[in-house]
């Protein structure tokens, strides 16, 4: 989800869900959870939504708490560049 939002911060929930291969309902629940945990914020502009990631927020799991969202996205982007992008 974070990678899909980082790639397209103004994407519709429908498009984010499709990129993640999950239902819209599940995508909306995950986005809400991420917002409540301060991993992202949403700004409404008319009928569209702009997502902003909190890139300096540490990951939740104790084993990854030393990593920030920024670092996770860098690692995923690096992996995609080595294996061909799947956007």
PDB file of N, CA and C in Angstrom:
ATOM      1  N   UNK A   1       0.820  -1.177   0.000  1.00  0.00           N
ATOM      2  CA  UNK A   1       0.000   0.000   0.000  1.00  0.00           C
ATOM      3  C   UNK A   1       0.870   1.248   0.000  1.00  0.00           C
ATOM      4  N   UNK A   2       1.860   1.275   0.868  1.00  0.00           N
ATOM      5  CA  UNK A   2       2.713   2.466   0.952  1.00  0.00           C
ATOM      6  C   UNK A   2       3.404   2.741  -0.377  1.00  0.00           C
ATOM      7  N   UNK A   3       3.886   1.712  -1.017  1.00  0.00           N
ATOM      8  CA  UNK A   3       4.565   1.886  -2.302  1.00  0.00           C
ATOM      9  C   UNK A   3       3.592   2.375  -3.374  1.00  0.00           C
ATOM     10  N   UNK A   4       2.402   1.812  -3.410  1.00  0.00           N
ATOM     11  CA  UNK A   4       1.398   2.236  -4.392  1.00  0.00           C
ATOM     12  C   UNK A   4       1.033   3.701  -4.175  1.00  0.00           C
ATOM     13  N   UNK A   5       0.887   4.111  -2.936  1.00  0.00           N
ATOM     14  CA  UNK A   5       0.556   5.503  -2.624  1.00  0.00           C
ATOM     15  C   UNK A   5       1.739   6.417  -2.922  1.00  0.00           C
ATOM     16  N   UNK A   6       2.947   5.959  -2.625  1.00  0.00           N
ATOM     17  CA  UNK A   6       4.135   6.773  -2.921  1.00  0.00           C
ATOM     18  C   UNK A   6       4.258   7.012  -4.422  1.00  0.00           C
ATOM     19  N   UNK A   7       3.939   6.015  -5.219  1.00  0.00           N
ATOM     20  CA  UNK A   7       4.035   6.141  -6.673  1.00  0.00           C
ATOM     21  C   UNK A   7       2.957   7.056  -7.247  1.00  0.00           C
ATOM     22  N   UNK A   8       1.765   7.020  -6.654  1.00  0.00           N
ATOM     23  CA  UNK A   8       0.630   7.785  -7.178  1.00  0.00           C
ATOM     24  C   UNK A   8      -0.158   8.395  -6.017  1.00  0.00           C
ATOM     25  N   UNK A   9       0.335   9.488  -5.432  1.00  0.00           N
ATOM     26  CA  UNK A   9      -0.304  10.056  -4.246  1.00  0.00           C
ATOM     27  C   UNK A   9      -1.696  10.637  -4.464  1.00  0.00           C
ATOM     28  N   UNK A  10      -2.109  10.806  -5.693  1.00  0.00           N
ATOM     29  CA  UNK A  10      -3.462  11.306  -5.930  1.00  0.00           C
ATOM     30  C   UNK A  10      -4.367  10.234  -6.544  1.00  0.00           C
ATOM     31  N   UNK A  11      -3.933   8.987  -6.472  1.00  0.00           N
ATOM     32  CA  UNK A  11      -4.717   7.879  -7.037  1.00  0.00           C
ATOM     33  C   UNK A  11      -5.998   7.677  -6.243  1.00  0.00           C
ATOM     34  N   UNK A  12      -7.007   7.187  -6.949  1.00  0.00           N
ATOM     35  CA  UNK A  12      -8.266   6.834  -6.293  1.00  0.00           C
ATOM     36  C   UNK A  12      -8.077   5.516  -5.550  1.00  0.00           C
ATOM     37  N   UNK A  13      -8.879   5.308  -4.519  1.00  0.00           N
ATOM     38  CA  UNK A  13      -8.827   4.058  -3.761  1.00  0.00           C
ATOM     39  C   UNK A  13      -8.977   2.866  -4.699  1.00  0.00           C
ATOM     40  N   UNK A  14      -9.826   2.989  -5.676  1.00  0.00           N
ATOM     41  CA  UNK A  14     -10.031   1.914  -6.659  1.00  0.00           C
ATOM     42  C   UNK A  14      -8.710   1.549  -7.344  1.00  0.00           C
ATOM     43  N   UNK A  15      -7.927   2.570  -7.708  1.00  0.00           N
ATOM     44  CA  UNK A  15      -6.660   2.325  -8.401  1.00  0.00           C
ATOM     45  C   UNK A  15      -5.597   1.765  -7.451  1.00  0.00           C
ATOM     46  N   UNK A  16      -5.597   2.252  -6.226  1.00  0.00           N
ATOM     47  CA  UNK A  16      -4.663   1.727  -5.220  1.00  0.00           C
ATOM     48  C   UNK A  16      -4.970   0.254  -4.959  1.00  0.00           C
ATOM     49  N   UNK A  17      -6.256  -0.055  -4.802  1.00  0.00           N
ATOM     50  CA  UNK A  17      -6.673  -1.444  -4.567  1.00  0.00           C
ATOM     51  C   UNK A  17      -6.250  -2.341  -5.727  1.00  0.00           C
ATOM     52  N   UNK A  18      -6.458  -1.872  -6.938  1.00  0.00           N
ATOM     53  CA  UNK A  18      -6.076  -2.667  -8.111  1.00  0.00           C
ATOM     54  C   UNK A  18      -4.572  -2.893  -8.155  1.00  0.00           C
ATOM     55  N   UNK A  19      -3.800  -1.856  -7.845  1.00  0.00           N
ATOM     56  CA  UNK A  19      -2.339  -1.987  -7.851  1.00  0.00           C
ATOM     57  C   UNK A  19      -1.866  -2.999  -6.811  1.00  0.00           C
ATOM     58  N   UNK A  20      -2.595  -3.089  -5.703  1.00  0.00           N
ATOM     59  CA  UNK A  20      -2.226  -4.004  -4.616  1.00  0.00           C
ATOM     60  C   UNK A  20      -2.932  -5.353  -4.714  1.00  0.00           C
ATOM     61  N   UNK A  21      -3.828  -5.461  -5.709  1.00  0.00           N
ATOM     62  CA  UNK A  21      -4.598  -6.700  -5.917  1.00  0.00           C
ATOM     63  C   UNK A  21      -5.416  -7.082  -4.700  1.00  0.00           C
ATOM     64  N   UNK A  22      -6.112  -6.078  -4.148  1.00  0.00           N
ATOM     65  CA  UNK A  22      -7.015  -6.279  -3.016  1.00  0.00           C
ATOM     66  C   UNK A  22      -8.332  -5.573  -3.339  1.00  0.00           C
ATOM     67  N   UNK A  23      -9.341  -5.801  -2.521  1.00  0.00           N
ATOM     68  CA  UNK A  23     -10.624  -5.146  -2.752  1.00  0.00           C
ATOM     69  C   UNK A  23     -10.554  -3.681  -2.322  1.00  0.00           C
ATOM     70  N   UNK A  24     -11.463  -2.889  -2.867  1.00  0.00           N
ATOM     71  CA  UNK A  24     -11.526  -1.483  -2.481  1.00  0.00           C
ATOM     72  C   UNK A  24     -11.811  -1.340  -0.991  1.00  0.00           C
ATOM     73  N   UNK A  25     -12.683  -2.180  -0.488  1.00  0.00           N
ATOM     74  CA  UNK A  25     -13.023  -2.123   0.940  1.00  0.00           C
ATOM     75  C   UNK A  25     -11.790  -2.378   1.811  1.00  0.00           C
ATOM     76  N   UNK A  26     -11.000  -3.370   1.432  1.00  0.00           N
ATOM     77  CA  UNK A  26      -9.776  -3.673   2.178  1.00  0.00           C
ATOM     78  C   UNK A  26      -8.785  -2.520   2.061  1.00  0.00           C
ATOM     79  N   UNK A  27      -8.653  -1.960   0.863  1.00  0.00           N
ATOM     80  CA  UNK A  27      -7.743  -0.829   0.657  1.00  0.00           C
ATOM     81  C   UNK A  27      -8.159   0.360   1.522  1.00  0.00           C
ATOM     82  N   UNK A  28      -9.443   0.632   1.571  1.00  0.00           N
ATOM     83  CA  UNK A  28      -9.933   1.752   2.376  1.00  0.00           C
ATOM     84  C   UNK A  28      -9.653   1.514   3.862  1.00  0.00           C
ATOM     85  N   UNK A  29      -9.829   0.280   4.312  1.00  0.00           N
ATOM     86  CA  UNK A  29      -9.554  -0.045   5.716  1.00  0.00           C
ATOM     87  C   UNK A  29      -8.060   0.121   6.031  1.00  0.00           C
ATOM     88  N   UNK A  30      -7.209  -0.325   5.130  1.00  0.00           N
ATOM     89  CA  UNK A  30      -5.765  -0.198   5.341  1.00  0.00           C
ATOM     90  C   UNK A  30      -5.351   1.273   5.341  1.00  0.00           C
ATOM     91  N   UNK A  31      -5.882   2.048   4.400  1.00  0.00           N
ATOM     92  CA  UNK A  31      -5.566   3.484   4.360  1.00  0.00           C
ATOM     93  C   UNK A  31      -6.012   4.153   5.660  1.00  0.00           C
ATOM     94  N   UNK A  32      -7.189   3.799   6.142  1.00  0.00           N
ATOM     95  CA  UNK A  32      -7.670   4.360   7.409  1.00  0.00           C
ATOM     96  C   UNK A  32      -6.757   3.982   8.572  1.00  0.00           C
ATOM     97  N   UNK A  33      -6.331   2.720   8.601  1.00  0.00           N
ATOM     98  CA  UNK A  33      -5.403   2.270   9.650  1.00  0.00           C
ATOM     99  C   UNK A  33      -4.070   3.016   9.561  1.00  0.00           C
ATOM    100  N   UNK A  34      -3.561   3.186   8.352  1.00  0.00           N
ATOM    101  CA  UNK A  34      -2.296   3.909   8.171  1.00  0.00           C
ATOM    102  C   UNK A  34      -2.433   5.370   8.585  1.00  0.00           C
ATOM    103  N   UNK A  35      -3.582   5.950   8.315  1.00  0.00           N
ATOM    104  CA  UNK A  35      -3.814   7.336   8.724  1.00  0.00           C
ATOM    105  C   UNK A  35      -3.892   7.448  10.247  1.00  0.00           C
ATOM    106  N   UNK A  36      -4.594   6.537  10.885  1.00  0.00           N
ATOM    107  CA  UNK A  36      -4.702   6.557  12.345  1.00  0.00           C
ATOM    108  C   UNK A  36      -3.348   6.347  13.009  1.00  0.00           C
ATOM    109  N   UNK A  37      -2.478   5.570  12.381  1.00  0.00           N
ATOM    110  CA  UNK A  37      -1.147   5.300  12.927  1.00  0.00           C
ATOM    111  C   UNK A  37      -0.127   6.363  12.510  1.00  0.00           C
ATOM    112  N   UNK A  38      -0.567   7.398  11.828  1.00  0.00           N
ATOM    113  CA  UNK A  38       0.268   8.529  11.403  1.00  0.00           C
ATOM    114  C   UNK A  38       1.313   8.153  10.348  1.00  0.00           C
ATOM    115  N   UNK A  39       0.983   7.160   9.515  1.00  0.00           N
ATOM    116  CA  UNK A  39       1.863   6.822   8.396  1.00  0.00           C
ATOM    117  C   UNK A  39       1.516   7.628   7.154  1.00  0.00           C
ATOM    118  N   UNK A  40       0.303   8.157   7.119  1.00  0.00           N
ATOM    119  CA  UNK A  40      -0.091   9.004   6.003  1.00  0.00           C
ATOM    120  C   UNK A  40      -1.184   9.952   6.438  1.00  0.00           C
ATOM    121  N   UNK A  41      -1.381  10.977   5.643  1.00  0.00           N
ATOM    122  CA  UNK A  41      -2.502  11.889   5.856  1.00  0.00           C
ATOM    123  C   UNK A  41      -3.215  12.048   4.520  1.00  0.00           C
ATOM    124  N   UNK A  42      -4.486  12.388   4.606  1.00  0.00           N
ATOM    125  CA  UNK A  42      -5.306  12.577   3.413  1.00  0.00           C
ATOM    126  C   UNK A  42      -5.808  14.005   3.384  1.00  0.00           C
ATOM    127  N   UNK A  43      -5.762  14.612   2.216  1.00  0.00           N
ATOM    128  CA  UNK A  43      -6.297  15.950   2.016  1.00  0.00           C
ATOM    129  C   UNK A  43      -7.312  15.867   0.883  1.00  0.00           C
ATOM    130  N   UNK A  44      -8.527  16.305   1.155  1.00  0.00           N
ATOM    131  CA  UNK A  44      -9.564  16.299   0.127  1.00  0.00           C
ATOM    132  C   UNK A  44      -9.494  17.594  -0.671  1.00  0.00           C
ATOM    133  N   UNK A  45      -9.650  17.459  -1.978  1.00  0.00           N
ATOM    134  CA  UNK A  45      -9.719  18.604  -2.879  1.00  0.00           C
ATOM    135  C   UNK A  45     -10.880  18.336  -3.822  1.00  0.00           C
ATOM    136  N   UNK A  46     -12.052  18.824  -3.441  1.00  0.00           N
ATOM    137  CA  UNK A  46     -13.245  18.504  -4.214  1.00  0.00           C
ATOM    138  C   UNK A  46     -13.545  17.030  -4.084  1.00  0.00           C
ATOM    139  N   UNK A  47     -13.593  16.348  -5.216  1.00  0.00           N
ATOM    140  CA  UNK A  47     -13.886  14.913  -5.207  1.00  0.00           C
ATOM    141  C   UNK A  47     -12.634  14.046  -5.172  1.00  0.00           C
ATOM    142  N   UNK A  48     -11.476  14.655  -5.229  1.00  0.00           N
ATOM    143  CA  UNK A  48     -10.239  13.867  -5.234  1.00  0.00           C
ATOM    144  C   UNK A  48      -9.541  13.944  -3.875  1.00  0.00           C
ATOM    145  N   UNK A  49      -8.672  13.002  -3.663  1.00  0.00           N
ATOM    146  CA  UNK A  49      -7.910  12.907  -2.416  1.00  0.00           C
ATOM    147  C   UNK A  49      -6.432  12.892  -2.746  1.00  0.00           C
ATOM    148  N   UNK A  50      -5.668  13.628  -1.965  1.00  0.00           N
ATOM    149  CA  UNK A  50      -4.207  13.638  -2.097  1.00  0.00           C
ATOM    150  C   UNK A  50      -3.647  12.984  -0.830  1.00  0.00           C
ATOM    151  N   UNK A  51      -2.805  11.990  -1.008  1.00  0.00           N
ATOM    152  CA  UNK A  51      -2.181  11.292   0.117  1.00  0.00           C
ATOM    153  C   UNK A  51      -0.767  11.812   0.315  1.00  0.00           C
ATOM    154  N   UNK A  52      -0.391  12.000   1.568  1.00  0.00           N
ATOM    155  CA  UNK A  52       0.966  12.412   1.913  1.00  0.00           C
ATOM    156  C   UNK A  52       1.514  11.401   2.915  1.00  0.00           C
ATOM    157  N   UNK A  53       2.624  10.773   2.567  1.00  0.00           N
ATOM    158  CA  UNK A  53       3.238   9.791   3.462  1.00  0.00           C
ATOM    159  C   UNK A  53       4.130  10.486   4.477  1.00  0.00           C
ATOM    160  N   UNK A  54       4.138   9.959   5.687  1.00  0.00           N
ATOM    161  CA  UNK A  54       5.045  10.422   6.730  1.00  0.00           C
ATOM    162  C   UNK A  54       6.317   9.573   6.593  1.00  0.00           C
ATOM    163  N   UNK A  55       7.230  10.045   5.769  1.00  0.00           N
ATOM    164  CA  UNK A  55       8.406   9.254   5.396  1.00  0.00           C
ATOM    165  C   UNK A  55       9.371   8.994   6.544  1.00  0.00           C
ATOM    166  N   UNK A  56       9.326   9.806   7.581  1.00  0.00           N
ATOM    167  CA  UNK A  56      10.253   9.629   8.699  1.00  0.00           C
ATOM    168  C   UNK A  56       9.685   8.761   9.810  1.00  0.00           C
ATOM    169  N   UNK A  57       8.485   8.291   9.654  1.00  0.00           N
ATOM    170  CA  UNK A  57       7.845   7.443  10.665  1.00  0.00           C
ATOM    171  C   UNK A  57       8.520   6.074  10.662  1.00  0.00           C
ATOM    172  N   UNK A  58       8.898   5.563  11.847  1.00  0.00           N
ATOM    173  CA  UNK A  58       9.494   4.220  11.904  1.00  0.00           C
ATOM    174  C   UNK A  58       8.423   3.152  11.683  1.00  0.00           C
ATOM    175  N   UNK A  59       8.847   2.018  11.168  1.00  0.00           N
ATOM    176  CA  UNK A  59       7.930   0.904  10.969  1.00  0.00           C
ATOM    177  C   UNK A  59       7.481   0.359  12.324  1.00  0.00           C
ATOM    178  N   UNK A  60       6.301  -0.231  12.369  1.00  0.00           N
ATOM    179  CA  UNK A  60       5.696  -0.664  13.637  1.00  0.00           C
ATOM    180  C   UNK A  60       6.315  -1.903  14.263  1.00  0.00           C
ATOM    181  N   UNK A  61       6.599  -2.877  13.437  1.00  0.00           N
ATOM    182  CA  UNK A  61       7.046  -4.157  13.978  1.00  0.00           C
ATOM    183  C   UNK A  61       8.402  -3.981  14.655  1.00  0.00           C
ATOM    184  N   UNK A  62       8.564  -4.520  15.868  1.00  0.00           N
ATOM    185  CA  UNK A  62       9.828  -4.347  16.586  1.00  0.00           C
ATOM    186  C   UNK A  62      11.064  -4.766  15.787  1.00  0.00           C
ATOM    187  N   UNK A  63      10.939  -5.788  14.951  1.00  0.00           N
ATOM    188  CA  UNK A  63      12.089  -6.248  14.165  1.00  0.00           C
ATOM    189  C   UNK A  63      12.484  -5.251  13.078  1.00  0.00           C
ATOM    190  N   UNK A  64      11.542  -4.381  12.673  1.00  0.00           N
ATOM    191  CA  UNK A  64      11.834  -3.392  11.632  1.00  0.00           C
ATOM    192  C   UNK A  64      11.761  -1.963  12.143  1.00  0.00           C
ATOM    193  N   UNK A  65      11.644  -1.779  13.432  1.00  0.00           N
ATOM    194  CA  UNK A  65      11.462  -0.442  14.004  1.00  0.00           C
ATOM    195  C   UNK A  65      12.646   0.488  13.734  1.00  0.00           C
ATOM    196  N   UNK A  66      13.788  -0.059  13.380  1.00  0.00           N
ATOM    197  CA  UNK A  66      14.955   0.769  13.058  1.00  0.00           C
ATOM    198  C   UNK A  66      14.856   1.357  11.651  1.00  0.00           C
ATOM    199  N   UNK A  67      13.879   0.884  10.856  1.00  0.00           N
ATOM    200  CA  UNK A  67      13.688   1.376   9.490  1.00  0.00           C
ATOM    201  C   UNK A  67      12.559   2.396   9.440  1.00  0.00           C
ATOM    202  N   UNK A  68      12.729   3.398   8.610  1.00  0.00           N
ATOM    203  CA  UNK A  68      11.666   4.380   8.395  1.00  0.00           C
ATOM    204  C   UNK A  68      10.880   3.997   7.145  1.00  0.00           C
ATOM    205  N   UNK A  69       9.746   4.620   6.971  1.00  0.00           N
ATOM    206  CA  UNK A  69       8.956   4.423   5.755  1.00  0.00           C
ATOM    207  C   UNK A  69       9.809   4.781   4.545  1.00  0.00           C
ATOM    208  N   UNK A  70      10.572   5.862   4.654  1.00  0.00           N
ATOM    209  CA  UNK A  70      11.452   6.290   3.554  1.00  0.00           C
ATOM    210  C   UNK A  70      12.410   5.165   3.151  1.00  0.00           C
ATOM    211  N   UNK A  71      13.036   4.553   4.134  1.00  0.00           N
ATOM    212  CA  UNK A  71      14.014   3.496   3.853  1.00  0.00           C
ATOM    213  C   UNK A  71      13.339   2.275   3.223  1.00  0.00           C
ATOM    214  N   UNK A  72      12.155   1.925   3.735  1.00  0.00           N
ATOM    215  CA  UNK A  72      11.415   0.809   3.151  1.00  0.00           C
ATOM    216  C   UNK A  72      11.114   1.077   1.683  1.00  0.00           C
ATOM    217  N   UNK A  73      10.652   2.279   1.374  1.00  0.00           N
ATOM    218  CA  UNK A  73      10.340   2.629  -0.009  1.00  0.00           C
ATOM    219  C   UNK A  73      11.590   2.622  -0.878  1.00  0.00           C
ATOM    220  N   UNK A  74      12.713   3.074  -0.329  1.00  0.00           N
ATOM    221  CA  UNK A  74      13.978   3.028  -1.076  1.00  0.00           C
ATOM    222  C   UNK A  74      14.362   1.586  -1.393  1.00  0.00           C
ATOM    223  N   UNK A  75      14.214   0.705  -0.410  1.00  0.00           N
ATOM    224  CA  UNK A  75      14.546  -0.708  -0.623  1.00  0.00           C
ATOM    225  C   UNK A  75      13.641  -1.338  -1.682  1.00  0.00           C
ATOM    226  N   UNK A  76      12.354  -1.028  -1.626  1.00  0.00           N
ATOM    227  CA  UNK A  76      11.417  -1.571  -2.607  1.00  0.00           C
ATOM    228  C   UNK A  76      11.678  -1.012  -3.995  1.00  0.00           C
ATOM    229  N   UNK A  77      11.991   0.261  -4.085  1.00  0.00           N
ATOM    230  CA  UNK A  77      12.294   0.883  -5.381  1.00  0.00           C
ATOM    231  C   UNK A  77      13.561   0.265  -5.973  1.00  0.00           C
ATOM    232  N   UNK A  78      14.545   0.025  -5.129  1.00  0.00           N
ATOM    233  CA  UNK A  78      15.791  -0.601  -5.581  1.00  0.00           C
ATOM    234  C   UNK A  78      15.514  -2.015  -6.094  1.00  0.00           C
ATOM    235  N   UNK A  79      14.706  -2.762  -5.363  1.00  0.00           N
ATOM    236  CA  UNK A  79      14.346  -4.118  -5.776  1.00  0.00           C
ATOM    237  C   UNK A  79      13.622  -4.093  -7.115  1.00  0.00           C
ATOM    238  N   UNK A  80      12.679  -3.146  -7.271  1.00  0.00           N
ATOM    239  CA  UNK A  80      11.942  -3.042  -8.532  1.00  0.00           C
ATOM    240  C   UNK A  80      12.866  -2.694  -9.690  1.00  0.00           C
ATOM    241  N   UNK A  81      13.842  -1.840  -9.445  1.00  0.00           N
ATOM    242  CA  UNK A  81      14.758  -1.443 -10.536  1.00  0.00           C
ATOM    243  C   UNK A  81      15.636  -2.627 -10.950  1.00  0.00           C
ATOM    244  N   UNK A  82      15.928  -3.517 -10.010  1.00  0.00           N
ATOM    245  CA  UNK A  82      16.733  -4.693 -10.354  1.00  0.00           C
ATOM    246  C   UNK A  82      15.925  -5.753 -11.089  1.00  0.00           C
ATOM    247  N   UNK A  83      14.620  -5.824 -10.791  1.00  0.00           N
ATOM    248  CA  UNK A  83      13.780  -6.886 -11.348  1.00  0.00           C
ATOM    249  C   UNK A  83      12.770  -6.362 -12.381  1.00  0.00           C
ATOM    250  N   UNK A  84      12.861  -5.106 -12.723  1.00  0.00           N
ATOM    251  CA  UNK A  84      11.879  -4.526 -13.643  1.00  0.00           C
ATOM    252  C   UNK A  84      10.671  -4.043 -12.890  1.00  0.00           C
ATOM    253  N   UNK A  85      10.251  -2.832 -13.132  1.00  0.00           N
ATOM    254  CA  UNK A  85       9.122  -2.232 -12.412  1.00  0.00           C
ATOM    255  C   UNK A  85       7.833  -2.989 -12.680  1.00  0.00           C
ATOM    256  N   UNK A  86       6.986  -3.065 -11.659  1.00  0.00           N
ATOM    257  CA  UNK A  86       5.694  -3.732 -11.781  1.00  0.00           C
ATOM    258  C   UNK A  86       4.560  -2.754 -11.583  1.00  0.00           C
ATOM    259  N   UNK A  87       4.751  -1.492 -11.899  1.00  0.00           N
ATOM    260  CA  UNK A  87       3.689  -0.516 -11.678  1.00  0.00           C
ATOM    261  C   UNK A  87       2.608  -0.778 -12.601  1.00  0.00           C
TER     262      UNK A  87
END
